Amino acid sequence: LGSHVVAWAFHDGTDGNGPDIPDRDGSPPYVTGLDALR
């Protein structure tokens, strides 16, 4: 879970009314899975 993220997908059941994932200019939203847990 601490290794680097190489691909991702985000599915939003709030229809856009919830917080988004961090925008990193086309890069994965988190560097590692541990960052997402944090």
ModelCIF file with pLDDT and N, C-alpha, C, O atoms, coordinates in Angstrom:
data_MODEL
#
_entry.id   MODEL 
#
_entity.id                         1 
_entity.type                       polymer 
_entity.pdbx_number_of_molecules   1 
#
_entity_poly.entity_id                      1 
_entity_poly.type                           'polypeptide(L)' 
_entity_poly.nstd_linkage                   no 
_entity_poly.nstd_monomer                   no 
_entity_poly.pdbx_seq_one_letter_code       LGSHVVAWAFHDGTDGNGPDIPDRDGSPPYVTGLDALR 
_entity_poly.pdbx_seq_one_letter_code_can   LGSHVVAWAFHDGTDGNGPDIPDRDGSPPYVTGLDALR 
_entity_poly.pdbx_strand_id                 A 
#
loop_
_entity_poly_seq.entity_id 
_entity_poly_seq.num 
_entity_poly_seq.mon_id 
_entity_poly_seq.hetero 
1 1  LEU n 
1 2  GLY n 
1 3  SER n 
1 4  HIS n 
1 5  VAL n 
1 6  VAL n 
1 7  ALA n 
1 8  TRP n 
1 9  ALA n 
1 10 PHE n 
1 11 HIS n 
1 12 ASP n 
1 13 GLY n 
1 14 THR n 
1 15 ASP n 
1 16 GLY n 
1 17 ASN n 
1 18 GLY n 
1 19 PRO n 
1 20 ASP n 
1 21 ILE n 
1 22 PRO n 
1 23 ASP n 
1 24 ARG n 
1 25 ASP n 
1 26 GLY n 
1 27 SER n 
1 28 PRO n 
1 29 PRO n 
1 30 TYR n 
1 31 VAL n 
1 32 THR n 
1 33 GLY n 
1 34 LEU n 
1 35 ASP n 
1 36 ALA n 
1 37 LEU n 
1 38 ARG n 
#
_struct_asym.id          A 
_struct_asym.entity_id   1 
#
loop_
_ma_qa_metric.id 
_ma_qa_metric.mode 
_ma_qa_metric.name 
_ma_qa_metric.software_group_id 
_ma_qa_metric.type 
1 global pLDDT . pLDDT 
2 local  pLDDT . pLDDT 
#
_ma_qa_metric_global.metric_id      1 
_ma_qa_metric_global.metric_value   92.61 
_ma_qa_metric_global.model_id       1 
_ma_qa_metric_global.ordinal_id     1 
#
loop_
_ma_qa_metric_local.label_asym_id 
_ma_qa_metric_local.label_comp_id 
_ma_qa_metric_local.label_seq_id 
_ma_qa_metric_local.metric_id 
_ma_qa_metric_local.metric_value 
_ma_qa_metric_local.model_id 
_ma_qa_metric_local.ordinal_id 
A LEU 1  2 95.00 1 1  
A GLY 2  2 96.00 1 2  
A SER 3  2 96.00 1 3  
A HIS 4  2 97.00 1 4  
A VAL 5  2 96.00 1 5  
A VAL 6  2 95.00 1 6  
A ALA 7  2 95.00 1 7  
A TRP 8  2 95.00 1 8  
A ALA 9  2 94.00 1 9  
A PHE 10 2 95.00 1 10 
A HIS 11 2 95.00 1 11 
A ASP 12 2 95.00 1 12 
A GLY 13 2 94.00 1 13 
A THR 14 2 92.00 1 14 
A ASP 15 2 89.00 1 15 
A GLY 16 2 89.00 1 16 
A ASN 17 2 89.00 1 17 
A GLY 18 2 90.00 1 18 
A PRO 19 2 91.00 1 19 
A ASP 20 2 91.00 1 20 
A ILE 21 2 91.00 1 21 
A PRO 22 2 87.00 1 22 
A ASP 23 2 82.00 1 23 
A ARG 24 2 76.00 1 24 
A ASP 25 2 85.00 1 25 
A GLY 26 2 81.00 1 26 
A SER 27 2 91.00 1 27 
A PRO 28 2 94.00 1 28 
A PRO 29 2 95.00 1 29 
A TYR 30 2 96.00 1 30 
A VAL 31 2 96.00 1 31 
A THR 32 2 97.00 1 32 
A GLY 33 2 96.00 1 33 
A LEU 34 2 97.00 1 34 
A ASP 35 2 97.00 1 35 
A ALA 36 2 96.00 1 36 
A LEU 37 2 96.00 1 37 
A ARG 38 2 97.00 1 38 
#
loop_
_atom_site.group_PDB 
_atom_site.id 
_atom_site.type_symbol 
_atom_site.label_atom_id 
_atom_site.label_alt_id 
_atom_site.label_comp_id 
_atom_site.label_asym_id 
_atom_site.label_entity_id 
_atom_site.label_seq_id 
_atom_site.pdbx_PDB_ins_code 
_atom_site.Cartn_x 
_atom_site.Cartn_y 
_atom_site.Cartn_z 
_atom_site.occupancy 
_atom_site.B_iso_or_equiv 
_atom_site.pdbx_formal_charge 
_atom_site.auth_seq_id 
_atom_site.auth_comp_id 
_atom_site.auth_asym_id 
_atom_site.auth_atom_id 
_atom_site.pdbx_PDB_model_num 
ATOM 1   N N  . LEU A 1 1  ? 0.826   -1.201 0.000   1.00 95.00 ? 1  LEU A N  1 
ATOM 2   C CA . LEU A 1 1  ? 0.000   0.000  0.000   1.00 95.00 ? 1  LEU A CA 1 
ATOM 3   C C  . LEU A 1 1  ? 0.871   1.266  0.000   1.00 95.00 ? 1  LEU A C  1 
ATOM 4   O O  . LEU A 1 1  ? 0.398   2.355  -0.326  1.00 95.00 ? 1  LEU A O  1 
ATOM 5   N N  . GLY A 1 2  ? 2.124   1.108  0.364   1.00 96.00 ? 2  GLY A N  1 
ATOM 6   C CA . GLY A 1 2  ? 3.054   2.232  0.362   1.00 96.00 ? 2  GLY A CA 1 
ATOM 7   C C  . GLY A 1 2  ? 3.788   2.428  -0.954  1.00 96.00 ? 2  GLY A C  1 
ATOM 8   O O  . GLY A 1 2  ? 4.616   3.332  -1.066  1.00 96.00 ? 2  GLY A O  1 
ATOM 9   N N  . SER A 1 3  ? 3.499   1.595  -1.956  1.00 96.00 ? 3  SER A N  1 
ATOM 10  C CA . SER A 1 3  ? 4.176   1.752  -3.255  1.00 96.00 ? 3  SER A CA 1 
ATOM 11  C C  . SER A 1 3  ? 3.464   2.826  -4.082  1.00 96.00 ? 3  SER A C  1 
ATOM 12  O O  . SER A 1 3  ? 2.340   3.222  -3.774  1.00 96.00 ? 3  SER A O  1 
ATOM 13  N N  . HIS A 1 4  ? 4.129   3.280  -5.117  1.00 97.00 ? 4  HIS A N  1 
ATOM 14  C CA . HIS A 1 4  ? 3.622   4.390  -5.929  1.00 97.00 ? 4  HIS A CA 1 
ATOM 15  C C  . HIS A 1 4  ? 2.397   4.001  -6.752  1.00 97.00 ? 4  HIS A C  1 
ATOM 16  O O  . HIS A 1 4  ? 2.314   2.903  -7.302  1.00 97.00 ? 4  HIS A O  1 
ATOM 17  N N  . VAL A 1 5  ? 1.450   4.936  -6.819  1.00 96.00 ? 5  VAL A N  1 
ATOM 18  C CA . VAL A 1 5  ? 0.238   4.765  -7.625  1.00 96.00 ? 5  VAL A CA 1 
ATOM 19  C C  . VAL A 1 5  ? 0.578   5.036  -9.087  1.00 96.00 ? 5  VAL A C  1 
ATOM 20  O O  . VAL A 1 5  ? 1.204   6.046  -9.407  1.00 96.00 ? 5  VAL A O  1 
ATOM 21  N N  . VAL A 1 6  ? 0.160   4.121  -9.981  1.00 95.00 ? 6  VAL A N  1 
ATOM 22  C CA . VAL A 1 6  ? 0.429   4.284  -11.413 1.00 95.00 ? 6  VAL A CA 1 
ATOM 23  C C  . VAL A 1 6  ? -0.849  4.516  -12.225 1.00 95.00 ? 6  VAL A C  1 
ATOM 24  O O  . VAL A 1 6  ? -0.780  4.997  -13.356 1.00 95.00 ? 6  VAL A O  1 
ATOM 25  N N  . ALA A 1 7  ? -2.007  4.182  -11.664 1.00 95.00 ? 7  ALA A N  1 
ATOM 26  C CA . ALA A 1 7  ? -3.289  4.402  -12.336 1.00 95.00 ? 7  ALA A CA 1 
ATOM 27  C C  . ALA A 1 7  ? -4.381  4.476  -11.277 1.00 95.00 ? 7  ALA A C  1 
ATOM 28  O O  . ALA A 1 7  ? -4.206  3.979  -10.165 1.00 95.00 ? 7  ALA A O  1 
ATOM 29  N N  . TRP A 1 8  ? -5.495  5.090  -11.618 1.00 95.00 ? 8  TRP A N  1 
ATOM 30  C CA . TRP A 1 8  ? -6.579  5.231  -10.656 1.00 95.00 ? 8  TRP A CA 1 
ATOM 31  C C  . TRP A 1 8  ? -7.901  5.464  -11.374 1.00 95.00 ? 8  TRP A C  1 
ATOM 32  O O  . TRP A 1 8  ? -7.941  5.805  -12.556 1.00 95.00 ? 8  TRP A O  1 
ATOM 33  N N  . ALA A 1 9  ? -8.985  5.268  -10.620 1.00 94.00 ? 9  ALA A N  1 
ATOM 34  C CA . ALA A 1 9  ? -10.328 5.604  -11.081 1.00 94.00 ? 9  ALA A CA 1 
ATOM 35  C C  . ALA A 1 9  ? -11.108 6.113  -9.870  1.00 94.00 ? 9  ALA A C  1 
ATOM 36  O O  . ALA A 1 9  ? -10.927 5.614  -8.759  1.00 94.00 ? 9  ALA A O  1 
ATOM 37  N N  . PHE A 1 10 ? -11.968 7.098  -10.084 1.00 95.00 ? 10 PHE A N  1 
ATOM 38  C CA . PHE A 1 10 ? -12.763 7.712  -9.020  1.00 95.00 ? 10 PHE A CA 1 
ATOM 39  C C  . PHE A 1 10 ? -14.230 7.630  -9.415  1.00 95.00 ? 10 PHE A C  1 
ATOM 40  O O  . PHE A 1 10 ? -14.603 8.018  -10.522 1.00 95.00 ? 10 PHE A O  1 
ATOM 41  N N  . HIS A 1 11 ? -15.064 7.125  -8.507  1.00 95.00 ? 11 HIS A N  1 
ATOM 42  C CA . HIS A 1 11 ? -16.496 6.988  -8.741  1.00 95.00 ? 11 HIS A CA 1 
ATOM 43  C C  . HIS A 1 11 ? -17.226 7.744  -7.635  1.00 95.00 ? 11 HIS A C  1 
ATOM 44  O O  . HIS A 1 11 ? -17.037 7.455  -6.453  1.00 95.00 ? 11 HIS A O  1 
ATOM 45  N N  . ASP A 1 12 ? -18.060 8.712  -8.017  1.00 95.00 ? 12 ASP A N  1 
ATOM 46  C CA . ASP A 1 12 ? -18.670 9.628  -7.060  1.00 95.00 ? 12 ASP A CA 1 
ATOM 47  C C  . ASP A 1 12 ? -20.176 9.409  -6.952  1.00 95.00 ? 12 ASP A C  1 
ATOM 48  O O  . ASP A 1 12 ? -20.933 9.817  -7.833  1.00 95.00 ? 12 ASP A O  1 
ATOM 49  N N  . GLY A 1 13 ? -20.602 8.768  -5.876  1.00 94.00 ? 13 GLY A N  1 
ATOM 50  C CA . GLY A 1 13 ? -22.019 8.545  -5.625  1.00 94.00 ? 13 GLY A CA 1 
ATOM 51  C C  . GLY A 1 13 ? -22.755 9.762  -5.120  1.00 94.00 ? 13 GLY A C  1 
ATOM 52  O O  . GLY A 1 13 ? -23.966 9.704  -4.906  1.00 94.00 ? 13 GLY A O  1 
ATOM 53  N N  . THR A 1 14 ? -22.044 10.880 -4.922  1.00 92.00 ? 14 THR A N  1 
ATOM 54  C CA . THR A 1 14 ? -22.701 12.106 -4.457  1.00 92.00 ? 14 THR A CA 1 
ATOM 55  C C  . THR A 1 14 ? -23.157 12.975 -5.619  1.00 92.00 ? 14 THR A C  1 
ATOM 56  O O  . THR A 1 14 ? -23.676 14.070 -5.403  1.00 92.00 ? 14 THR A O  1 
ATOM 57  N N  . ASP A 1 15 ? -22.971 12.505 -6.842  1.00 89.00 ? 15 ASP A N  1 
ATOM 58  C CA . ASP A 1 15 ? -23.324 13.275 -8.043  1.00 89.00 ? 15 ASP A CA 1 
ATOM 59  C C  . ASP A 1 15 ? -22.617 14.624 -8.078  1.00 89.00 ? 15 ASP A C  1 
ATOM 60  O O  . ASP A 1 15 ? -23.183 15.611 -8.549  1.00 89.00 ? 15 ASP A O  1 
ATOM 61  N N  . GLY A 1 16 ? -21.381 14.671 -7.582  1.00 89.00 ? 16 GLY A N  1 
ATOM 62  C CA . GLY A 1 16 ? -20.605 15.908 -7.616  1.00 89.00 ? 16 GLY A CA 1 
ATOM 63  C C  . GLY A 1 16 ? -20.846 16.837 -6.452  1.00 89.00 ? 16 GLY A C  1 
ATOM 64  O O  . GLY A 1 16 ? -20.283 17.932 -6.415  1.00 89.00 ? 16 GLY A O  1 
ATOM 65  N N  . ASN A 1 17 ? -21.673 16.431 -5.489  1.00 89.00 ? 17 ASN A N  1 
ATOM 66  C CA . ASN A 1 17 ? -21.961 17.283 -4.334  1.00 89.00 ? 17 ASN A CA 1 
ATOM 67  C C  . ASN A 1 17 ? -21.039 17.012 -3.153  1.00 89.00 ? 17 ASN A C  1 
ATOM 68  O O  . ASN A 1 17 ? -21.176 17.645 -2.106  1.00 89.00 ? 17 ASN A O  1 
ATOM 69  N N  . GLY A 1 18 ? -20.107 16.084 -3.305  1.00 90.00 ? 18 GLY A N  1 
ATOM 70  C CA . GLY A 1 18 ? -19.154 15.778 -2.257  1.00 90.00 ? 18 GLY A CA 1 
ATOM 71  C C  . GLY A 1 18 ? -17.785 16.326 -2.610  1.00 90.00 ? 18 GLY A C  1 
ATOM 72  O O  . GLY A 1 18 ? -17.598 16.871 -3.698  1.00 90.00 ? 18 GLY A O  1 
ATOM 73  N N  . PRO A 1 19 ? -16.829 16.190 -1.709  1.00 91.00 ? 19 PRO A N  1 
ATOM 74  C CA . PRO A 1 19 ? -15.480 16.655 -2.015  1.00 91.00 ? 19 PRO A CA 1 
ATOM 75  C C  . PRO A 1 19 ? -14.880 15.834 -3.149  1.00 91.00 ? 19 PRO A C  1 
ATOM 76  O O  . PRO A 1 19 ? -15.174 14.648 -3.299  1.00 91.00 ? 19 PRO A O  1 
ATOM 77  N N  . ASP A 1 20 ? -14.050 16.475 -3.932  1.00 91.00 ? 20 ASP A N  1 
ATOM 78  C CA . ASP A 1 20 ? -13.387 15.814 -5.050  1.00 91.00 ? 20 ASP A CA 1 
ATOM 79  C C  . ASP A 1 20 ? -12.071 15.216 -4.567  1.00 91.00 ? 20 ASP A C  1 
ATOM 80  O O  . ASP A 1 20 ? -11.678 15.419 -3.418  1.00 91.00 ? 20 ASP A O  1 
ATOM 81  N N  . ILE A 1 21 ? -11.398 14.488 -5.431  1.00 91.00 ? 21 ILE A N  1 
ATOM 82  C CA . ILE A 1 21 ? -10.073 13.988 -5.101  1.00 91.00 ? 21 ILE A CA 1 
ATOM 83  C C  . ILE A 1 21 ? -9.066  15.092 -5.401  1.00 91.00 ? 21 ILE A C  1 
ATOM 84  O O  . ILE A 1 21 ? -9.353  15.971 -6.214  1.00 91.00 ? 21 ILE A O  1 
ATOM 85  N N  . PRO A 1 22 ? -7.891  15.072 -4.766  1.00 87.00 ? 22 PRO A N  1 
ATOM 86  C CA . PRO A 1 22 ? -6.905  16.124 -5.016  1.00 87.00 ? 22 PRO A CA 1 
ATOM 87  C C  . PRO A 1 22 ? -6.523  16.202 -6.491  1.00 87.00 ? 22 PRO A C  1 
ATOM 88  O O  . PRO A 1 22 ? -6.268  15.177 -7.124  1.00 87.00 ? 22 PRO A O  1 
ATOM 89  N N  . ASP A 1 23 ? -6.485  17.400 -7.032  1.00 82.00 ? 23 ASP A N  1 
ATOM 90  C CA . ASP A 1 23 ? -6.096  17.620 -8.424  1.00 82.00 ? 23 ASP A CA 1 
ATOM 91  C C  . ASP A 1 23 ? -4.583  17.798 -8.495  1.00 82.00 ? 23 ASP A C  1 
ATOM 92  O O  . ASP A 1 23 ? -4.022  18.706 -7.880  1.00 82.00 ? 23 ASP A O  1 
ATOM 93  N N  . ARG A 1 24 ? -3.938  16.926 -9.247  1.00 76.00 ? 24 ARG A N  1 
ATOM 94  C CA . ARG A 1 24 ? -2.477  16.969 -9.345  1.00 76.00 ? 24 ARG A CA 1 
ATOM 95  C C  . ARG A 1 24 ? -2.037  17.082 -10.802 1.00 76.00 ? 24 ARG A C  1 
ATOM 96  O O  . ARG A 1 24 ? -1.040  16.475 -11.194 1.00 76.00 ? 24 ARG A O  1 
ATOM 97  N N  . ASP A 1 25 ? -2.765  17.845 -11.599 1.00 85.00 ? 25 ASP A N  1 
ATOM 98  C CA . ASP A 1 25 ? -2.400  18.096 -13.000 1.00 85.00 ? 25 ASP A CA 1 
ATOM 99  C C  . ASP A 1 25 ? -2.206  16.817 -13.801 1.00 85.00 ? 25 ASP A C  1 
ATOM 100 O O  . ASP A 1 25 ? -1.198  16.666 -14.493 1.00 85.00 ? 25 ASP A O  1 
ATOM 101 N N  . GLY A 1 26 ? -3.158  15.895 -13.716 1.00 81.00 ? 26 GLY A N  1 
ATOM 102 C CA . GLY A 1 26 ? -3.091  14.669 -14.494 1.00 81.00 ? 26 GLY A CA 1 
ATOM 103 C C  . GLY A 1 26 ? -2.337  13.537 -13.827 1.00 81.00 ? 26 GLY A C  1 
ATOM 104 O O  . GLY A 1 26 ? -2.387  12.403 -14.302 1.00 81.00 ? 26 GLY A O  1 
ATOM 105 N N  . SER A 1 27 ? -1.644  13.817 -12.743 1.00 91.00 ? 27 SER A N  1 
ATOM 106 C CA . SER A 1 27 ? -0.955  12.779 -11.988 1.00 91.00 ? 27 SER A CA 1 
ATOM 107 C C  . SER A 1 27 ? -1.959  12.091 -11.071 1.00 91.00 ? 27 SER A C  1 
ATOM 108 O O  . SER A 1 27 ? -3.051  12.616 -10.853 1.00 91.00 ? 27 SER A O  1 
ATOM 109 N N  . PRO A 1 28 ? -1.608  10.924 -10.530 1.00 94.00 ? 28 PRO A N  1 
ATOM 110 C CA . PRO A 1 28 ? -2.523  10.275 -9.581  1.00 94.00 ? 28 PRO A CA 1 
ATOM 111 C C  . PRO A 1 28 ? -2.868  11.210 -8.412  1.00 94.00 ? 28 PRO A C  1 
ATOM 112 O O  . PRO A 1 28 ? -2.047  12.045 -8.032  1.00 94.00 ? 28 PRO A O  1 
ATOM 113 N N  . PRO A 1 29 ? -4.063  11.079 -7.844  1.00 95.00 ? 29 PRO A N  1 
ATOM 114 C CA . PRO A 1 29 ? -4.474  11.973 -6.755  1.00 95.00 ? 29 PRO A CA 1 
ATOM 115 C C  . PRO A 1 29 ? -3.648  11.789 -5.487  1.00 95.00 ? 29 PRO A C  1 
ATOM 116 O O  . PRO A 1 29 ? -3.550  12.704 -4.670  1.00 95.00 ? 29 PRO A O  1 
ATOM 117 N N  . TYR A 1 30 ? -3.056  10.616 -5.322  1.00 96.00 ? 30 TYR A N  1 
ATOM 118 C CA . TYR A 1 30 ? -2.194  10.342 -4.169  1.00 96.00 ? 30 TYR A CA 1 
ATOM 119 C C  . TYR A 1 30 ? -0.931  9.661  -4.689  1.00 96.00 ? 30 TYR A C  1 
ATOM 120 O O  . TYR A 1 30 ? -0.989  8.902  -5.657  1.00 96.00 ? 30 TYR A O  1 
ATOM 121 N N  . VAL A 1 31 ? 0.195   9.924  -4.062  1.00 96.00 ? 31 VAL A N  1 
ATOM 122 C CA . VAL A 1 31 ? 1.452   9.301  -4.469  1.00 96.00 ? 31 VAL A CA 1 
ATOM 123 C C  . VAL A 1 31 ? 1.440   7.821  -4.108  1.00 96.00 ? 31 VAL A C  1 
ATOM 124 O O  . VAL A 1 31 ? 1.912   6.984  -4.877  1.00 96.00 ? 31 VAL A O  1 
ATOM 125 N N  . THR A 1 32 ? 0.896   7.498  -2.928  1.00 97.00 ? 32 THR A N  1 
ATOM 126 C CA . THR A 1 32 ? 0.798   6.106  -2.476  1.00 97.00 ? 32 THR A CA 1 
ATOM 127 C C  . THR A 1 32 ? -0.599  5.853  -1.917  1.00 97.00 ? 32 THR A C  1 
ATOM 128 O O  . THR A 1 32 ? -1.353  6.794  -1.669  1.00 97.00 ? 32 THR A O  1 
ATOM 129 N N  . GLY A 1 33 ? -0.938  4.592  -1.722  1.00 96.00 ? 33 GLY A N  1 
ATOM 130 C CA . GLY A 1 33 ? -2.192  4.245  -1.078  1.00 96.00 ? 33 GLY A CA 1 
ATOM 131 C C  . GLY A 1 33 ? -2.232  4.704  0.372   1.00 96.00 ? 33 GLY A C  1 
ATOM 132 O O  . GLY A 1 33 ? -3.297  5.044  0.887   1.00 96.00 ? 33 GLY A O  1 
ATOM 133 N N  . LEU A 1 34 ? -1.086  4.717  1.031   1.00 97.00 ? 34 LEU A N  1 
ATOM 134 C CA . LEU A 1 34 ? -1.026  5.192  2.422   1.00 97.00 ? 34 LEU A CA 1 
ATOM 135 C C  . LEU A 1 34 ? -1.426  6.657  2.517   1.00 97.00 ? 34 LEU A C  1 
ATOM 136 O O  . LEU A 1 34 ? -2.045  7.074  3.496   1.00 97.00 ? 34 LEU A O  1 
ATOM 137 N N  . ASP A 1 35 ? -1.070  7.444  1.494   1.00 97.00 ? 35 ASP A N  1 
ATOM 138 C CA . ASP A 1 35 ? -1.470  8.856  1.484   1.00 97.00 ? 35 ASP A CA 1 
ATOM 139 C C  . ASP A 1 35 ? -2.992  8.982  1.445   1.00 97.00 ? 35 ASP A C  1 
ATOM 140 O O  . ASP A 1 35 ? -3.558  9.874  2.077   1.00 97.00 ? 35 ASP A O  1 
ATOM 141 N N  . ALA A 1 36 ? -3.651  8.101  0.712   1.00 96.00 ? 36 ALA A N  1 
ATOM 142 C CA . ALA A 1 36 ? -5.121  8.116  0.658   1.00 96.00 ? 36 ALA A CA 1 
ATOM 143 C C  . ALA A 1 36 ? -5.707  7.761  2.024   1.00 96.00 ? 36 ALA A C  1 
ATOM 144 O O  . ALA A 1 36 ? -6.684  8.374  2.455   1.00 96.00 ? 36 ALA A O  1 
ATOM 145 N N  . LEU A 1 37 ? -5.123  6.783  2.705   1.00 96.00 ? 37 LEU A N  1 
ATOM 146 C CA . LEU A 1 37 ? -5.590  6.430  4.051   1.00 96.00 ? 37 LEU A CA 1 
ATOM 147 C C  . LEU A 1 37 ? -5.436  7.609  4.998   1.00 96.00 ? 37 LEU A C  1 
ATOM 148 O O  . LEU A 1 37 ? -6.324  7.880  5.806   1.00 96.00 ? 37 LEU A O  1 
ATOM 149 N N  . ARG A 1 38 ? -4.326  8.304  4.905   1.00 97.00 ? 38 ARG A N  1 
ATOM 150 C CA . ARG A 1 38 ? -4.082  9.466  5.773   1.00 97.00 ? 38 ARG A CA 1 
ATOM 151 C C  . ARG A 1 38 ? -5.073  10.595 5.496   1.00 97.00 ? 38 ARG A C  1 
ATOM 152 O O  . ARG A 1 38 ? -5.009  11.644 6.138   1.00 97.00 ? 38 ARG A O  1 
#
